[in-house]
Each structure stands twice: as C-alpha cells, then as structure tokens.
Amino acid sequence: MGSGEFAVTINRKEVVSSVLPLQEHWLPLSNLDLLLPPVDVSVYFCYREPTKHEKFTYASVVSVLKTAMAKALVSYYAFAGEVVSNSAGEPELLCNNRGVDFVEAYADVELRDLDLYNLDASVSGKLLPEKKDGVLCVQVSELKCGGVVVACTFDHRIADAYSANMFFLAWAQIAQNNKHTSPPPSFRRSLLNPRRPGLYDASLDNMYVPISSLPPPTQTGSDPIINRIYYVKSEDIDGLQSRASSNGYRRSKLEAFSAFLWQIMAKGAARGCKMGIVVDGRTRLSGKTSLMETYFGNVLSVPFGEGSIDELTTKPLSWVAEAVHEFLECAVTKEHFLGLIDWVEAHRPEPAMAKAYSTGSDEGAAFVVSSGQRFPVREVDFGWGSPVFGSYLFPWGGEAGHVMPMPSATRDGDWVVYVHLLKGQMELLEKEAADVFRPFTPDYLFMEGP
C-alpha cells in the first residue's frame, strides 16, 4: 500500500470567474434537483509528471487550468453561481458569476506512494478542496514527483455526475486550445416542468419520503463509515455477468455486479438488506429528440429492492439478478420520471429524498449503487496527458452506503470501484469477495496494458 502520512501546504487561494460578464439572473432548481439534500460530491484526477511535455511546469499547469476554466464558465455559468433560499425556503441558484474558489497546493508525497485505497487517510481533507462558498471549488496539488492531482468539489443539488462530466470534458477541450466541440449545456428547466394536473403512481410514496417523516440520525459509534477504492478485473466482471444470466436472459454487467454486492451485504445484515440503484432519466425523457442529452442538472431516480436475508444469501446469483432487474424495470420509463416530477410538485415545499438513502439502524443494512461507466476519465486531458487514475468520492454523511464502479484509466475493461460503507460491511466485503474486490495499490496505478 502507499502512504497516507504526508503534509499538504496551501500556497494560494483565488476566485476564478467567467471570462465574459454575465447578466445576473435567478435559475430555479427543477423538481428533480429538489430531491437532493445539501451535500457535496468530489471528483479527482491523478496525472504523472508531464515529462514528455517540457513546456509544462506546475506554474504553467495552473495557468492553463485557470484560463480554461474562466472560458468554460461562460457556458457552464451555473458552477460560478451561489445557492440561496427563496421565499418558500427552497434552494434557488443565483447566477451572478461569483466564481469558483481555486486552491493551489503542494503535497509532500510521490504519486506512486499515494494510498488511493485508504481515501480517508490520503485524499479526504488533503487533496480534496472543502467547499465553503459557491457551487464548485477546485484544488490543484503538485506532488513531490512532479505529478499533479486536480480535484473538484461541487454542490450535488446543482449537478449530477452526467452534468459534471460534461463540464470536465469542456474544460479539458478548451485547455488544449480546442473549440468546445460538444454542444453547450442546456438549463431549460421547462423540460422538467410538472404536468397539470399531476399524475403519479402510488409506488413513489414508498420510493421517496418527506424528510420530516424520517427518524433522527443515529451515531454509528464503533462502526464508522469509511471510504475505499478497489479494482475489479474485466474477466471477473464477465464472470459475474455469466453467473447472473440464465434461462436465455442476459443481465447487464451493472445488474450482475449489483446482485453480487447485494448477496454479500445480506450476509452481514441482521434485519434485512435494502439496495438502491441510481437511474439516469435523460434517455427515458428524450423520446425521439436529443433535448435532454445536454441538460445540466439532476435527472436521477433511485429505485430500490428489499430482500430477505435467507433468499439473498441462499438463492443463486441469477435469482438475485432477476430481483434487481425487476425493481429497476419500474424506473426506466418516461412515465416514471414524469410521475416523479409530479410527486415532488404535490409535496412542495416539503423537502423529500430517496428512501434508499434514508435507512435507519433499525431497518437493516442499506446501500446504493451508482454507475460511473460514462465517467470520461481518459478524456480529461488538459494537454499534458490523460490521468492514470480518476474517481468520484461521495461521503454524503448518512448511514446508507454508496458504491460507484467506474472505468479504469489504465486497463481496458477493468473497473475502479469507489466504496463508502460501514467499517463492518467493508470488512465483510473484503472477506467474502477478496477474489473480486482487490484493494487499489500503486502497482495497479502504474500497470498498463489490456
């Protein structure tokens, strides 16, 4: 393993604003945005020393990033705004070009010694910026070896991972003096307007709950939530998919992976085990048009399944994968997302959230799987090469776990998996699935090839 024992020195802080002036205006959050509590999401990219690009020093890297960001914020102005409350107490976005807090730092550690497996010791609080104001903040850390870590933290109420990925690609394209080849983001909130009159299925009353109805959070005490990074080899993913498919039905890799996780977590649960899976609604709402492809905001739903410990642990993986497929089916339709928008409208201004995230200790184990397969990690090249590693990090603060598989930056077909679970659940995962979930090591970081 690498090291988590190193010092980080903050050398400079400034605010990067859009290079062009912006007419100050208010941008309401959509009903789907309102389902997100005020939590922040982080993402970070690790780059080797740009030896093949002699023109890149750390100072020039920072200059390129700041200049490109100022240009990217012209289109992605939501990231340069501020979240404030309206008269109903709901959050709204003030688009005032407040700017992005930009931190320059030095980390006294080499990339090959960075312990990416143990995120709580090596990344959180060191290489990730803490967002205090605004919507987005950035920290660029120079490493002892000359490598660089570019990390961002943003308000999840303003953007989901799909939206953030669009921004990262635009930022990188502009940094390489390319015109932003992707279409600009759309903030057309009318695409997610509620219907009049509203209509939604009663099942949504079980999938989402008003926050006021939730029990107070409990202390995890001796079983804290921790953050880890694993890698899963492509052949292991294929093996899970093969085991999860039966009777002529071929399950997706995500369904197979999620079913496998569900079985493992159930082995350590005492009163049941609940698993949610994040579904992106853009393709469901697009129909024959592409209007939603560039929509910036949250277009997510989190259906979940609840299974008995006995069935989850004794049935074959194909049976569990079938159960996963069944609870996903209800949320992969246009009507589901239109109904969810209407459900939020019927409950406003009372804030609500996905029940999959709102578990209490008396309800048994719970975790959510969020696919990061569209995470464009290799494409976030600012001019000095692609990252050798990249990941999201979502220590959201609740008791439910969060698991996010993403493509490996260095090995085709492999997955890098961010895991946010209770310590006891993490130990169970490493015990029961050591042949699939392999702790991320510096050796893997510098391993290349198929």
Protein backbone atom coordinates (compact mmCIF):
# COMPACT_ATOMS: atom_id res chain seq x y z
CA MET A 1 0.00 0.00 0.00
CA GLY A 2 1.01 3.63 -0.37
CA SER A 3 1.16 6.21 2.33
CA GLY A 4 -1.41 8.46 3.91
CA GLU A 5 1.19 10.19 6.06
CA PHE A 6 2.21 13.33 4.20
CA ALA A 7 1.83 17.06 4.54
CA VAL A 8 -0.11 19.36 2.24
CA THR A 9 0.76 23.04 2.02
CA ILE A 10 -1.74 25.56 0.64
CA ASN A 11 0.19 28.12 -1.37
CA ARG A 12 -2.50 30.27 -2.90
CA LYS A 13 -6.25 30.79 -2.99
CA GLU A 14 -8.16 32.88 -5.51
CA VAL A 15 -11.51 33.04 -7.24
CA VAL A 16 -11.81 32.23 -10.95
CA SER A 17 -14.81 33.85 -12.65
CA SER A 18 -16.17 33.63 -16.16
CA VAL A 19 -14.04 35.45 -18.71
CA LEU A 20 -17.18 37.19 -20.01
CA PRO A 21 -19.64 39.26 -17.99
CA LEU A 22 -22.94 37.64 -17.09
CA GLN A 23 -26.35 39.22 -16.72
CA GLU A 24 -27.27 38.34 -13.14
CA HIS A 25 -30.37 36.18 -13.00
CA TRP A 26 -32.15 33.55 -10.95
CA LEU A 27 -32.30 29.94 -12.07
CA PRO A 28 -34.86 27.81 -10.26
CA LEU A 29 -33.97 24.26 -9.35
CA SER A 30 -36.05 21.60 -11.07
CA ASN A 31 -38.29 19.27 -9.09
CA LEU A 32 -35.66 16.55 -9.53
CA ASP A 33 -32.96 18.86 -8.15
CA LEU A 34 -35.12 19.39 -5.08
CA LEU A 35 -34.84 15.69 -4.22
CA LEU A 36 -31.18 16.21 -3.34
CA PRO A 37 -30.19 17.32 0.15
CA PRO A 38 -27.41 19.93 0.52
CA VAL A 39 -24.50 17.53 0.04
CA ASP A 40 -21.26 17.90 -1.89
CA VAL A 41 -19.65 15.48 -4.34
CA SER A 42 -15.94 15.35 -5.10
CA VAL A 43 -14.03 14.04 -8.10
CA TYR A 44 -10.29 13.92 -8.60
CA PHE A 45 -7.80 13.09 -11.35
CA CYS A 46 -4.20 11.98 -10.86
CA TYR A 47 -1.59 12.79 -13.51
CA ARG A 48 2.00 11.68 -13.87
CA GLU A 49 4.77 14.23 -14.19
CA PRO A 50 4.41 15.67 -17.72
CA THR A 51 7.95 14.67 -18.78
CA LYS A 52 7.02 14.35 -22.44
CA HIS A 53 5.75 17.91 -22.40
CA GLU A 54 8.69 20.04 -21.29
CA LYS A 55 6.70 23.25 -21.56
CA PHE A 56 4.52 22.16 -18.66
CA THR A 57 5.76 23.23 -15.26
CA TYR A 58 3.45 23.31 -12.26
CA ALA A 59 3.03 27.06 -12.75
CA SER A 60 2.06 26.59 -16.39
CA VAL A 61 -0.32 23.76 -15.47
CA VAL A 62 -2.12 26.04 -13.03
CA SER A 63 -2.24 28.83 -15.57
CA VAL A 64 -3.72 26.55 -18.22
CA LEU A 65 -6.37 25.25 -15.80
CA LYS A 66 -7.43 28.71 -14.61
CA THR A 67 -7.53 30.23 -18.09
CA ALA A 68 -9.55 27.32 -19.48
CA MET A 69 -11.92 27.36 -16.51
CA ALA A 70 -12.67 31.05 -16.97
CA LYS A 71 -13.66 30.27 -20.57
CA ALA A 72 -15.64 27.12 -19.66
CA LEU A 73 -17.67 29.08 -17.10
CA VAL A 74 -19.12 31.18 -19.91
CA SER A 75 -21.31 28.23 -20.87
CA TYR A 76 -21.30 26.46 -17.51
CA TYR A 77 -22.25 29.58 -15.57
CA ALA A 78 -24.22 27.55 -13.00
CA PHE A 79 -20.90 26.43 -11.49
CA ALA A 80 -19.96 30.08 -10.92
CA GLY A 81 -23.13 30.97 -9.02
CA GLU A 82 -24.44 30.68 -5.48
CA VAL A 83 -27.28 28.67 -3.92
CA VAL A 84 -29.68 30.79 -1.86
CA SER A 85 -33.15 30.23 -0.39
CA ASN A 86 -36.28 31.71 -1.90
CA SER A 87 -39.36 32.95 -0.02
CA ALA A 88 -40.70 29.39 0.25
CA GLY A 89 -37.46 28.20 1.82
CA GLU A 90 -36.48 26.22 -1.25
CA PRO A 91 -33.00 26.50 -2.79
CA GLU A 92 -32.50 28.51 -5.96
CA LEU A 93 -29.42 29.30 -7.99
CA LEU A 94 -28.29 32.91 -8.19
CA CYS A 95 -26.27 33.16 -11.41
CA ASN A 96 -24.08 36.12 -10.52
CA ASN A 97 -20.63 34.99 -11.71
CA ARG A 98 -19.45 34.81 -8.13
CA GLY A 99 -16.79 32.43 -9.44
CA VAL A 100 -15.03 29.23 -8.41
CA ASP A 101 -12.68 29.05 -5.43
CA PHE A 102 -9.34 27.85 -6.82
CA VAL A 103 -6.66 26.48 -4.46
CA GLU A 104 -3.01 25.80 -5.32
CA ALA A 105 -1.25 23.31 -3.06
CA TYR A 106 1.85 21.18 -2.64
CA ALA A 107 1.63 17.60 -1.34
CA ASP A 108 4.82 16.06 0.04
CA VAL A 109 4.21 12.65 -1.48
CA GLU A 110 5.01 10.89 -4.75
CA LEU A 111 2.23 9.58 -6.92
CA ARG A 112 3.45 6.01 -6.61
CA ASP A 113 3.30 6.33 -2.81
CA LEU A 114 -0.20 7.78 -2.68
CA ASP A 115 -2.51 5.37 -0.85
CA LEU A 116 -5.60 5.57 -3.04
CA TYR A 117 -7.07 2.51 -1.34
CA ASN A 118 -7.36 4.30 2.00
CA LEU A 119 -9.07 7.50 0.90
CA ASP A 120 -9.77 8.78 4.41
CA ALA A 121 -6.03 8.98 5.14
CA SER A 122 -4.66 10.09 1.79
CA VAL A 123 -7.28 12.02 -0.18
CA SER A 124 -10.07 13.36 2.04
CA GLY A 125 -9.03 16.52 3.83
CA LYS A 126 -5.75 16.67 1.93
CA LEU A 127 -6.14 16.56 -1.84
CA LEU A 128 -9.84 17.41 -1.98
CA PRO A 129 -10.95 21.02 -1.56
CA GLU A 130 -13.52 21.81 1.10
CA LYS A 131 -16.31 23.83 -0.48
CA LYS A 132 -17.29 26.73 1.76
CA ASP A 133 -18.96 29.11 -0.68
CA GLY A 134 -20.35 28.96 -4.17
CA VAL A 135 -21.23 25.84 -6.13
CA LEU A 136 -17.85 24.50 -7.26
CA CYS A 137 -14.33 24.66 -5.87
CA VAL A 138 -11.05 23.29 -7.22
CA GLN A 139 -7.71 22.27 -5.71
CA VAL A 140 -4.64 21.60 -7.84
CA SER A 141 -1.92 19.82 -5.88
CA GLU A 142 1.66 19.48 -7.08
CA LEU A 143 3.18 16.20 -5.94
CA LYS A 144 6.75 15.57 -4.83
CA CYS A 145 7.44 13.62 -8.03
CA GLY A 146 6.14 16.41 -10.28
CA GLY A 147 2.77 14.76 -10.80
CA VAL A 148 -0.45 16.67 -10.32
CA VAL A 149 -3.82 15.96 -8.72
CA VAL A 150 -6.76 18.03 -9.97
CA ALA A 151 -9.72 17.77 -7.57
CA CYS A 152 -13.16 19.37 -7.61
CA THR A 153 -16.00 19.52 -5.10
CA PHE A 154 -19.48 20.63 -6.18
CA ASP A 155 -22.99 21.00 -4.81
CA HIS A 156 -24.99 17.92 -5.81
CA ARG A 157 -28.21 19.97 -5.87
CA ILE A 158 -26.89 21.79 -8.93
CA ALA A 159 -25.35 18.93 -10.91
CA ASP A 160 -25.34 15.17 -11.15
CA ALA A 161 -22.35 13.18 -12.40
CA TYR A 162 -23.57 13.37 -16.01
CA SER A 163 -23.59 17.17 -15.83
CA ALA A 164 -20.21 17.32 -14.12
CA ASN A 165 -18.73 15.04 -16.76
CA MET A 166 -19.89 17.43 -19.49
CA PHE A 167 -18.09 20.25 -17.71
CA PHE A 168 -14.85 18.30 -17.25
CA LEU A 169 -14.76 17.47 -20.97
CA ALA A 170 -15.42 21.07 -21.97
CA TRP A 171 -12.75 22.31 -19.54
CA ALA A 172 -10.18 19.88 -20.95
CA GLN A 173 -11.04 20.64 -24.58
CA ILE A 174 -10.69 24.38 -24.00
CA ALA A 175 -7.38 23.84 -22.17
CA GLN A 176 -5.98 22.21 -25.31
CA ASN A 177 -6.97 25.28 -27.31
CA ASN A 178 -9.73 23.33 -28.98
CA LYS A 179 -13.07 24.88 -29.51
CA HIS A 180 -15.63 23.23 -27.26
CA THR A 181 -16.68 20.54 -29.72
CA SER A 182 -19.52 19.26 -27.58
CA PRO A 183 -22.81 21.16 -27.66
CA PRO A 184 -23.21 23.69 -24.83
CA PRO A 185 -25.18 22.73 -21.73
CA SER A 186 -28.89 23.40 -21.56
CA PHE A 187 -30.52 24.93 -18.47
CA ARG A 188 -34.01 24.66 -19.93
CA ARG A 189 -35.96 23.87 -16.79
CA SER A 190 -39.22 23.67 -18.73
CA LEU A 191 -38.08 20.22 -19.90
CA LEU A 192 -38.82 19.02 -16.38
CA ASN A 193 -41.98 21.01 -15.65
CA PRO A 194 -44.75 19.17 -13.76
CA ARG A 195 -47.92 18.28 -15.62
CA ARG A 196 -51.27 19.96 -14.96
CA PRO A 197 -52.93 18.12 -13.39
CA GLY A 198 -50.19 15.99 -11.94
CA LEU A 199 -50.26 12.22 -12.04
CA TYR A 200 -48.03 9.70 -10.32
CA ASP A 201 -48.08 6.06 -9.32
CA ALA A 202 -48.60 5.25 -5.65
CA SER A 203 -45.33 3.26 -5.65
CA LEU A 204 -43.46 6.58 -5.49
CA ASP A 205 -44.78 7.04 -1.96
CA ASN A 206 -42.57 4.12 -1.00
CA MET A 207 -39.60 5.16 -3.13
CA TYR A 208 -39.39 8.75 -1.83
CA VAL A 209 -40.24 10.16 1.58
CA PRO A 210 -40.64 13.66 3.08
CA ILE A 211 -37.59 14.45 5.19
CA SER A 212 -39.78 15.48 8.12
CA SER A 213 -41.01 11.88 8.40
CA LEU A 214 -37.54 10.43 8.84
CA PRO A 215 -36.19 9.35 12.23
CA PRO A 216 -33.26 11.36 13.62
CA PRO A 217 -29.84 10.06 12.55
CA THR A 218 -28.10 7.67 14.89
CA GLN A 219 -24.46 7.51 15.81
CA THR A 220 -22.51 4.68 14.19
CA GLY A 221 -20.13 4.60 17.18
CA SER A 222 -17.70 1.72 16.85
CA ASP A 223 -18.78 1.06 13.26
CA PRO A 224 -17.89 4.24 11.38
CA ILE A 225 -18.36 4.72 7.66
CA ILE A 226 -15.11 4.58 5.70
CA ASN A 227 -14.07 5.14 2.08
CA ARG A 228 -12.06 2.74 -0.06
CA ILE A 229 -11.01 2.20 -3.66
CA TYR A 230 -10.90 -1.28 -5.22
CA TYR A 231 -10.34 -2.54 -8.71
CA VAL A 232 -12.22 -5.37 -10.41
CA LYS A 233 -10.66 -7.20 -13.35
CA SER A 234 -12.58 -7.42 -16.61
CA GLU A 235 -12.63 -11.22 -16.50
CA ASP A 236 -14.23 -11.11 -13.06
CA ILE A 237 -16.91 -8.73 -14.31
CA ASP A 238 -17.58 -11.05 -17.25
CA GLY A 239 -17.74 -13.99 -14.84
CA LEU A 240 -20.34 -12.26 -12.67
CA GLN A 241 -22.40 -11.42 -15.74
CA SER A 242 -22.29 -15.02 -16.88
CA ARG A 243 -23.39 -16.33 -13.46
CA ALA A 244 -26.17 -13.71 -13.24
CA SER A 245 -27.65 -14.66 -16.63
CA SER A 246 -29.96 -17.65 -17.02
CA ASN A 247 -32.92 -19.01 -18.98
CA GLY A 248 -31.93 -17.02 -22.04
CA TYR A 249 -31.88 -13.67 -20.20
CA ARG A 250 -28.57 -11.87 -20.33
CA ARG A 251 -28.24 -9.43 -17.45
CA SER A 252 -26.19 -6.25 -17.77
CA LYS A 253 -22.81 -6.03 -16.08
CA LEU A 254 -24.19 -3.46 -13.63
CA GLU A 255 -27.13 -5.71 -12.73
CA ALA A 256 -24.76 -8.65 -12.16
CA PHE A 257 -22.32 -6.56 -10.14
CA SER A 258 -25.13 -5.09 -8.02
CA ALA A 259 -26.66 -8.51 -7.39
CA PHE A 260 -23.28 -9.83 -6.25
CA LEU A 261 -22.90 -6.93 -3.84
CA TRP A 262 -26.43 -7.42 -2.54
CA GLN A 263 -25.70 -11.04 -1.70
CA ILE A 264 -22.54 -10.12 0.19
CA MET A 265 -24.12 -7.28 2.18
CA ALA A 266 -27.02 -9.53 3.13
CA LYS A 267 -24.60 -11.96 4.81
CA GLY A 268 -23.78 -9.31 7.40
CA ALA A 269 -27.28 -7.91 7.84
CA ALA A 270 -29.46 -8.84 10.79
CA ARG A 271 -32.88 -7.48 9.79
CA GLY A 272 -32.96 -7.32 6.03
CA CYS A 273 -30.97 -5.64 3.29
CA LYS A 274 -32.06 -2.82 1.01
CA MET A 275 -30.24 -1.91 -2.21
CA GLY A 276 -30.94 1.06 -4.45
CA ILE A 277 -29.56 1.72 -7.95
CA VAL A 278 -29.29 5.21 -9.43
CA VAL A 279 -31.06 5.54 -12.79
CA ASP A 280 -30.40 8.44 -15.19
CA GLY A 281 -33.61 9.63 -16.80
CA ARG A 282 -32.18 11.55 -19.75
CA THR A 283 -32.62 8.83 -22.37
CA ARG A 284 -36.03 7.97 -20.91
CA LEU A 285 -37.29 11.56 -21.21
CA SER A 286 -35.68 12.31 -24.58
CA GLY A 287 -38.03 10.25 -26.71
CA LYS A 288 -37.19 10.89 -30.34
CA THR A 289 -35.42 14.17 -29.57
CA SER A 290 -32.00 14.87 -28.10
CA LEU A 291 -33.01 17.84 -25.93
CA MET A 292 -32.12 16.03 -22.71
CA GLU A 293 -28.65 14.98 -23.88
CA THR A 294 -27.16 18.33 -22.90
CA TYR A 295 -29.44 19.09 -19.96
CA PHE A 296 -27.46 20.34 -16.93
CA GLY A 297 -28.90 19.40 -13.57
CA ASN A 298 -30.18 16.31 -11.80
CA VAL A 299 -32.19 13.78 -13.79
CA LEU A 300 -31.99 10.85 -11.39
CA SER A 301 -34.21 8.34 -9.68
CA VAL A 302 -33.23 5.74 -7.07
CA PRO A 303 -35.45 2.66 -7.15
CA PHE A 304 -34.62 0.00 -4.60
CA GLY A 305 -35.31 -3.55 -3.63
CA GLU A 306 -35.71 -5.13 -0.22
CA GLY A 307 -34.85 -8.78 0.20
CA SER A 308 -34.95 -11.31 2.98
CA ILE A 309 -31.59 -12.42 4.32
CA ASP A 310 -32.43 -16.07 3.67
CA GLU A 311 -33.31 -15.60 0.00
CA LEU A 312 -30.47 -13.22 -0.79
CA THR A 313 -27.85 -15.50 0.75
CA THR A 314 -29.11 -18.91 -0.39
CA LYS A 315 -30.52 -18.27 -3.87
CA PRO A 316 -28.18 -18.36 -6.91
CA LEU A 317 -26.80 -15.11 -8.28
CA SER A 318 -29.13 -15.36 -11.28
CA TRP A 319 -32.15 -15.24 -8.95
CA VAL A 320 -30.84 -12.13 -7.20
CA ALA A 321 -30.05 -10.51 -10.57
CA GLU A 322 -33.64 -11.18 -11.64
CA ALA A 323 -34.83 -9.37 -8.50
CA VAL A 324 -32.55 -6.44 -9.38
CA HIS A 325 -33.91 -6.35 -12.91
CA GLU A 326 -37.49 -6.34 -11.65
CA PHE A 327 -37.17 -3.35 -9.34
CA LEU A 328 -35.22 -1.45 -12.00
CA GLU A 329 -37.92 -2.02 -14.60
CA CYS A 330 -40.34 0.34 -12.87
CA ALA A 331 -37.87 3.25 -13.08
CA VAL A 332 -36.52 3.02 -16.61
CA THR A 333 -39.57 4.53 -18.29
CA LYS A 334 -40.59 8.04 -19.32
CA GLU A 335 -43.75 7.78 -17.24
CA HIS A 336 -41.75 7.04 -14.08
CA PHE A 337 -39.75 10.26 -14.38
CA LEU A 338 -42.78 12.35 -15.34
CA GLY A 339 -44.57 10.89 -12.32
CA LEU A 340 -41.61 11.63 -10.05
CA ILE A 341 -41.63 15.27 -11.16
CA ASP A 342 -45.35 15.42 -10.36
CA TRP A 343 -44.81 13.69 -6.99
CA VAL A 344 -42.34 16.37 -5.93
CA GLU A 345 -44.74 19.10 -7.04
CA ALA A 346 -47.50 17.58 -4.91
CA HIS A 347 -45.26 17.66 -1.82
CA ARG A 348 -43.60 21.06 -2.23
CA PRO A 349 -42.28 22.95 -0.38
CA GLU A 350 -41.72 19.99 1.96
CA PRO A 351 -38.24 18.62 1.08
CA ALA A 352 -38.00 14.92 0.29
CA MET A 353 -35.34 12.38 -0.57
CA ALA A 354 -34.89 8.87 -1.90
CA LYS A 355 -35.91 6.27 0.66
CA ALA A 356 -32.95 4.11 -0.38
CA TYR A 357 -30.68 6.68 1.30
CA SER A 358 -32.89 7.22 4.34
CA THR A 359 -32.38 3.99 6.20
CA GLY A 360 -32.14 3.86 9.96
CA SER A 361 -30.19 1.34 12.00
CA ASP A 362 -33.44 -0.41 12.92
CA GLU A 363 -34.28 -1.03 9.26
CA GLY A 364 -31.30 -3.25 8.47
CA ALA A 365 -28.48 -2.71 6.00
CA ALA A 366 -28.84 -0.35 3.04
CA PHE A 367 -26.63 0.87 0.23
CA VAL A 368 -26.94 2.46 -3.20
CA VAL A 369 -25.08 1.58 -6.40
CA SER A 370 -24.42 4.41 -8.84
CA SER A 371 -22.94 3.53 -12.21
CA GLY A 372 -19.99 5.64 -13.29
CA GLN A 373 -19.44 3.82 -16.57
CA ARG A 374 -19.81 7.08 -18.52
CA PHE A 375 -17.11 8.73 -16.42
CA PRO A 376 -14.77 10.02 -19.20
CA VAL A 377 -11.61 9.67 -17.13
CA ARG A 378 -9.20 9.16 -20.05
CA GLU A 379 -10.60 12.16 -21.92
CA VAL A 380 -9.91 14.66 -19.14
CA ASP A 381 -6.58 15.59 -20.73
CA PHE A 382 -5.67 19.24 -20.27
CA GLY A 383 -2.67 18.98 -22.57
CA TRP A 384 -0.09 17.06 -20.55
CA GLY A 385 -1.56 13.59 -20.89
CA SER A 386 -4.51 11.57 -19.67
CA PRO A 387 -4.96 10.77 -15.97
CA VAL A 388 -3.59 7.50 -14.65
CA PHE A 389 -6.42 7.49 -12.12
CA GLY A 390 -9.71 9.23 -11.56
CA SER A 391 -12.67 8.70 -9.26
CA TYR A 392 -15.72 10.26 -7.71
CA LEU A 393 -15.94 10.45 -3.92
CA PHE A 394 -19.29 10.89 -2.17
CA PRO A 395 -19.05 10.78 1.65
CA TRP A 396 -22.60 12.03 1.90
CA GLY A 397 -22.90 11.73 5.67
CA GLY A 398 -25.81 9.33 6.07
CA GLU A 399 -25.90 5.74 7.25
CA ALA A 400 -26.60 4.12 3.88
CA GLY A 401 -23.60 3.03 1.88
CA HIS A 402 -22.67 4.15 -1.62
CA VAL A 403 -20.81 2.15 -4.29
CA MET A 404 -19.73 3.54 -7.65
CA PRO A 405 -17.97 1.45 -10.33
CA MET A 406 -16.07 3.44 -12.97
CA PRO A 407 -13.83 2.52 -15.92
CA SER A 408 -10.14 2.07 -15.19
CA ALA A 409 -7.92 4.81 -16.58
CA THR A 410 -5.13 2.39 -17.45
CA ARG A 411 -6.59 -1.05 -18.20
CA ASP A 412 -9.37 -1.62 -20.73
CA GLY A 413 -12.35 -3.47 -19.31
CA ASP A 414 -11.31 -3.22 -15.66
CA TRP A 415 -13.38 -1.24 -13.18
CA VAL A 416 -12.25 1.09 -10.43
CA VAL A 417 -14.82 0.93 -7.63
CA TYR A 418 -15.36 3.64 -5.03
CA VAL A 419 -16.91 2.13 -1.88
CA HIS A 420 -18.44 4.09 1.01
CA LEU A 421 -19.63 1.63 3.66
CA LEU A 422 -19.71 0.95 7.37
CA LYS A 423 -16.43 -0.50 8.59
CA GLY A 424 -18.07 -3.83 9.40
CA GLN A 425 -19.58 -4.03 5.91
CA MET A 426 -16.22 -3.18 4.35
CA GLU A 427 -14.53 -5.96 6.30
CA LEU A 428 -17.25 -8.38 5.17
CA LEU A 429 -16.74 -7.33 1.55
CA GLU A 430 -13.01 -7.95 1.76
CA LYS A 431 -13.54 -11.31 3.43
CA GLU A 432 -16.28 -12.65 1.16
CA ALA A 433 -15.19 -11.16 -2.16
CA ALA A 434 -11.41 -10.82 -1.96
CA ASP A 435 -11.11 -12.57 -5.32
CA VAL A 436 -13.24 -9.86 -6.98
CA PHE A 437 -12.72 -6.65 -4.96
CA ARG A 438 -8.97 -6.10 -4.94
CA PRO A 439 -7.54 -3.21 -2.89
CA PHE A 440 -6.21 -0.50 -5.17
CA THR A 441 -2.41 -0.39 -4.97
CA PRO A 442 0.33 1.76 -6.50
CA ASP A 443 1.35 -1.30 -8.54
CA TYR A 444 -2.00 -1.20 -10.31
CA LEU A 445 -1.70 2.55 -10.78
CA PHE A 446 1.41 2.12 -12.91
CA MET A 447 0.30 -1.09 -14.61
CA GLU A 448 -0.59 -0.68 -18.24
CA GLY A 449 -1.91 -2.95 -20.91
CA PRO A 450 -5.08 -4.89 -21.64
